[in-house]
Amino acid sequence: METIKLREEYIKLGQALKASGLAESGVDAKHAIEEGLVKVNGQTEYQRGKKLRGGDVVEYNGETVRIEE
């Protein structure tokens, strides 16, 4: 499981996908989210701007990323 360390209070879902390398670009992240392929804390998420905070877990394409403060 990969982790992303927060520099601020939160990171947006689309940014987290790019930062972790799960999506090559913002466009790829946008399409994956819109198609319902991304889960946050076990729930399918359709909002690219969803704010992720410490403890949140993102799942996409068989990979898992934990957000840490």
N, C-alpha and C. Protein backbone atom coordinates (compact mmCIF):
# COMPACT_ATOMS: atom_id res chain seq x y z
N MET A 1 0.86 -1.19 0.00
CA MET A 1 0.00 0.00 0.00
C MET A 1 0.89 1.24 0.00
N GLU A 2 0.64 2.11 -0.92
CA GLU A 2 1.38 3.37 -1.01
C GLU A 2 0.72 4.40 -0.10
N THR A 3 1.50 5.41 0.30
CA THR A 3 0.94 6.49 1.11
C THR A 3 1.25 7.84 0.48
N ILE A 4 0.36 8.78 0.73
CA ILE A 4 0.57 10.17 0.32
C ILE A 4 0.56 11.00 1.60
N LYS A 5 1.61 11.74 1.82
CA LYS A 5 1.71 12.59 3.01
C LYS A 5 1.12 13.97 2.66
N LEU A 6 0.16 14.41 3.44
CA LEU A 6 -0.47 15.70 3.21
C LEU A 6 0.47 16.85 3.54
N ARG A 7 0.50 17.84 2.67
CA ARG A 7 1.25 19.07 2.94
C ARG A 7 0.31 20.15 3.49
N GLU A 8 -0.96 19.98 3.17
CA GLU A 8 -1.98 20.92 3.63
C GLU A 8 -3.06 20.14 4.36
N GLU A 9 -4.20 20.76 4.59
CA GLU A 9 -5.29 20.12 5.33
C GLU A 9 -5.89 18.94 4.56
N TYR A 10 -5.89 19.02 3.23
CA TYR A 10 -6.49 17.97 2.40
C TYR A 10 -5.84 17.96 1.02
N ILE A 11 -6.13 16.89 0.27
CA ILE A 11 -5.76 16.81 -1.13
C ILE A 11 -7.00 16.35 -1.89
N LYS A 12 -7.21 16.87 -3.07
CA LYS A 12 -8.37 16.48 -3.86
C LYS A 12 -8.12 15.12 -4.51
N LEU A 13 -9.19 14.39 -4.73
CA LEU A 13 -9.10 13.03 -5.26
C LEU A 13 -8.32 12.97 -6.57
N GLY A 14 -8.61 13.84 -7.51
CA GLY A 14 -7.91 13.84 -8.79
C GLY A 14 -6.42 14.06 -8.61
N GLN A 15 -6.06 14.97 -7.71
CA GLN A 15 -4.66 15.25 -7.43
C GLN A 15 -3.98 14.05 -6.78
N ALA A 16 -4.70 13.37 -5.91
CA ALA A 16 -4.14 12.20 -5.22
C ALA A 16 -3.85 11.08 -6.22
N LEU A 17 -4.73 10.89 -7.18
CA LEU A 17 -4.49 9.85 -8.18
C LEU A 17 -3.24 10.16 -9.00
N LYS A 18 -3.06 11.42 -9.35
CA LYS A 18 -1.86 11.81 -10.10
C LYS A 18 -0.61 11.70 -9.22
N ALA A 19 -0.68 12.19 -8.00
CA ALA A 19 0.48 12.19 -7.10
C ALA A 19 0.97 10.78 -6.78
N SER A 20 0.06 9.84 -6.72
CA SER A 20 0.43 8.46 -6.40
C SER A 20 0.87 7.68 -7.63
N GLY A 21 0.66 8.26 -8.81
CA GLY A 21 1.03 7.56 -10.04
C GLY A 21 -0.04 6.62 -10.54
N LEU A 22 -1.19 6.59 -9.89
CA LEU A 22 -2.27 5.72 -10.35
C LEU A 22 -2.89 6.23 -11.65
N ALA A 23 -2.81 7.53 -11.87
CA ALA A 23 -3.30 8.14 -13.11
C ALA A 23 -2.14 8.95 -13.69
N GLU A 24 -1.93 8.83 -15.00
CA GLU A 24 -0.81 9.53 -15.63
C GLU A 24 -1.06 11.02 -15.77
N SER A 25 -2.34 11.40 -15.90
CA SER A 25 -2.67 12.81 -16.09
C SER A 25 -3.98 13.13 -15.40
N GLY A 26 -4.28 14.42 -15.35
CA GLY A 26 -5.56 14.85 -14.78
C GLY A 26 -6.73 14.34 -15.58
N VAL A 27 -6.54 14.24 -16.89
CA VAL A 27 -7.62 13.73 -17.76
C VAL A 27 -7.89 12.26 -17.46
N ASP A 28 -6.81 11.48 -17.29
CA ASP A 28 -6.98 10.07 -16.95
C ASP A 28 -7.71 9.92 -15.61
N ALA A 29 -7.33 10.74 -14.64
CA ALA A 29 -7.97 10.70 -13.32
C ALA A 29 -9.44 11.05 -13.45
N LYS A 30 -9.73 12.09 -14.21
CA LYS A 30 -11.12 12.53 -14.40
C LYS A 30 -11.97 11.41 -14.98
N HIS A 31 -11.48 10.76 -16.02
CA HIS A 31 -12.25 9.69 -16.66
C HIS A 31 -12.47 8.50 -15.72
N ALA A 32 -11.42 8.12 -15.00
CA ALA A 32 -11.54 6.99 -14.07
C ALA A 32 -12.59 7.28 -13.01
N ILE A 33 -12.59 8.50 -12.48
CA ILE A 33 -13.55 8.89 -11.44
C ILE A 33 -14.96 8.93 -12.01
N GLU A 34 -15.13 9.57 -13.17
CA GLU A 34 -16.46 9.68 -13.79
C GLU A 34 -17.04 8.32 -14.14
N GLU A 35 -16.19 7.36 -14.48
CA GLU A 35 -16.66 6.02 -14.84
C GLU A 35 -16.93 5.14 -13.62
N GLY A 36 -16.72 5.68 -12.41
CA GLY A 36 -17.02 4.93 -11.20
C GLY A 36 -15.99 3.86 -10.87
N LEU A 37 -14.76 4.05 -11.31
CA LEU A 37 -13.71 3.06 -11.09
C LEU A 37 -12.89 3.31 -9.83
N VAL A 38 -13.16 4.42 -9.15
CA VAL A 38 -12.36 4.81 -7.98
C VAL A 38 -13.23 4.73 -6.72
N LYS A 39 -12.66 4.12 -5.68
CA LYS A 39 -13.36 4.05 -4.39
C LYS A 39 -12.57 4.82 -3.34
N VAL A 40 -13.31 5.51 -2.47
CA VAL A 40 -12.73 6.19 -1.32
C VAL A 40 -13.38 5.59 -0.09
N ASN A 41 -12.56 5.02 0.77
CA ASN A 41 -13.05 4.36 1.99
C ASN A 41 -14.13 3.33 1.68
N GLY A 42 -13.93 2.59 0.58
CA GLY A 42 -14.84 1.50 0.22
C GLY A 42 -16.07 1.91 -0.57
N GLN A 43 -16.28 3.21 -0.77
CA GLN A 43 -17.46 3.69 -1.49
C GLN A 43 -17.04 4.29 -2.84
N THR A 44 -17.77 3.96 -3.90
CA THR A 44 -17.48 4.52 -5.21
C THR A 44 -17.65 6.03 -5.15
N GLU A 45 -16.68 6.75 -5.69
CA GLU A 45 -16.67 8.21 -5.65
C GLU A 45 -16.68 8.77 -7.07
N TYR A 46 -17.57 9.74 -7.33
CA TYR A 46 -17.72 10.32 -8.65
C TYR A 46 -17.28 11.79 -8.70
N GLN A 47 -16.80 12.33 -7.59
CA GLN A 47 -16.41 13.75 -7.54
C GLN A 47 -14.89 13.87 -7.56
N ARG A 48 -14.36 14.44 -8.63
CA ARG A 48 -12.92 14.60 -8.76
C ARG A 48 -12.38 15.53 -7.68
N GLY A 49 -13.20 16.48 -7.23
CA GLY A 49 -12.77 17.44 -6.22
C GLY A 49 -12.99 16.99 -4.79
N LYS A 50 -13.37 15.74 -4.58
CA LYS A 50 -13.58 15.21 -3.23
C LYS A 50 -12.34 15.45 -2.39
N LYS A 51 -12.51 16.05 -1.22
CA LYS A 51 -11.39 16.37 -0.34
C LYS A 51 -11.02 15.14 0.48
N LEU A 52 -9.77 14.73 0.37
CA LEU A 52 -9.27 13.59 1.13
C LEU A 52 -8.43 14.09 2.28
N ARG A 53 -8.63 13.50 3.43
CA ARG A 53 -7.91 13.90 4.64
C ARG A 53 -7.18 12.69 5.21
N GLY A 54 -6.37 12.93 6.22
CA GLY A 54 -5.62 11.85 6.85
C GLY A 54 -6.51 10.67 7.23
N GLY A 55 -6.07 9.46 6.89
CA GLY A 55 -6.82 8.25 7.21
C GLY A 55 -7.68 7.74 6.06
N ASP A 56 -7.93 8.57 5.05
CA ASP A 56 -8.72 8.13 3.91
C ASP A 56 -7.93 7.13 3.07
N VAL A 57 -8.65 6.20 2.46
CA VAL A 57 -8.02 5.17 1.63
C VAL A 57 -8.66 5.21 0.25
N VAL A 58 -7.82 5.29 -0.79
CA VAL A 58 -8.28 5.34 -2.17
C VAL A 58 -7.93 4.02 -2.86
N GLU A 59 -8.89 3.45 -3.58
CA GLU A 59 -8.66 2.22 -4.33
C GLU A 59 -8.95 2.47 -5.80
N TYR A 60 -8.01 2.03 -6.65
CA TYR A 60 -8.20 2.17 -8.10
C TYR A 60 -7.32 1.15 -8.82
N ASN A 61 -7.91 0.44 -9.74
CA ASN A 61 -7.17 -0.47 -10.61
C ASN A 61 -6.33 -1.48 -9.82
N GLY A 62 -6.89 -2.00 -8.73
CA GLY A 62 -6.20 -3.00 -7.92
C GLY A 62 -5.13 -2.45 -7.00
N GLU A 63 -4.97 -1.13 -6.97
CA GLU A 63 -3.97 -0.48 -6.12
C GLU A 63 -4.66 0.28 -4.99
N THR A 64 -3.99 0.40 -3.87
CA THR A 64 -4.53 1.11 -2.72
C THR A 64 -3.56 2.18 -2.25
N VAL A 65 -4.09 3.36 -1.94
CA VAL A 65 -3.28 4.47 -1.45
C VAL A 65 -3.92 5.01 -0.19
N ARG A 66 -3.10 5.17 0.85
CA ARG A 66 -3.58 5.75 2.12
C ARG A 66 -3.09 7.19 2.21
N ILE A 67 -3.99 8.06 2.67
CA ILE A 67 -3.66 9.46 2.87
C ILE A 67 -3.23 9.62 4.33
N GLU A 68 -2.06 10.24 4.55
CA GLU A 68 -1.56 10.44 5.91
C GLU A 68 -1.35 11.92 6.18
N GLU A 69 -1.57 12.30 7.42
CA GLU A 69 -1.35 13.69 7.82
C GLU A 69 0.12 13.96 7.98
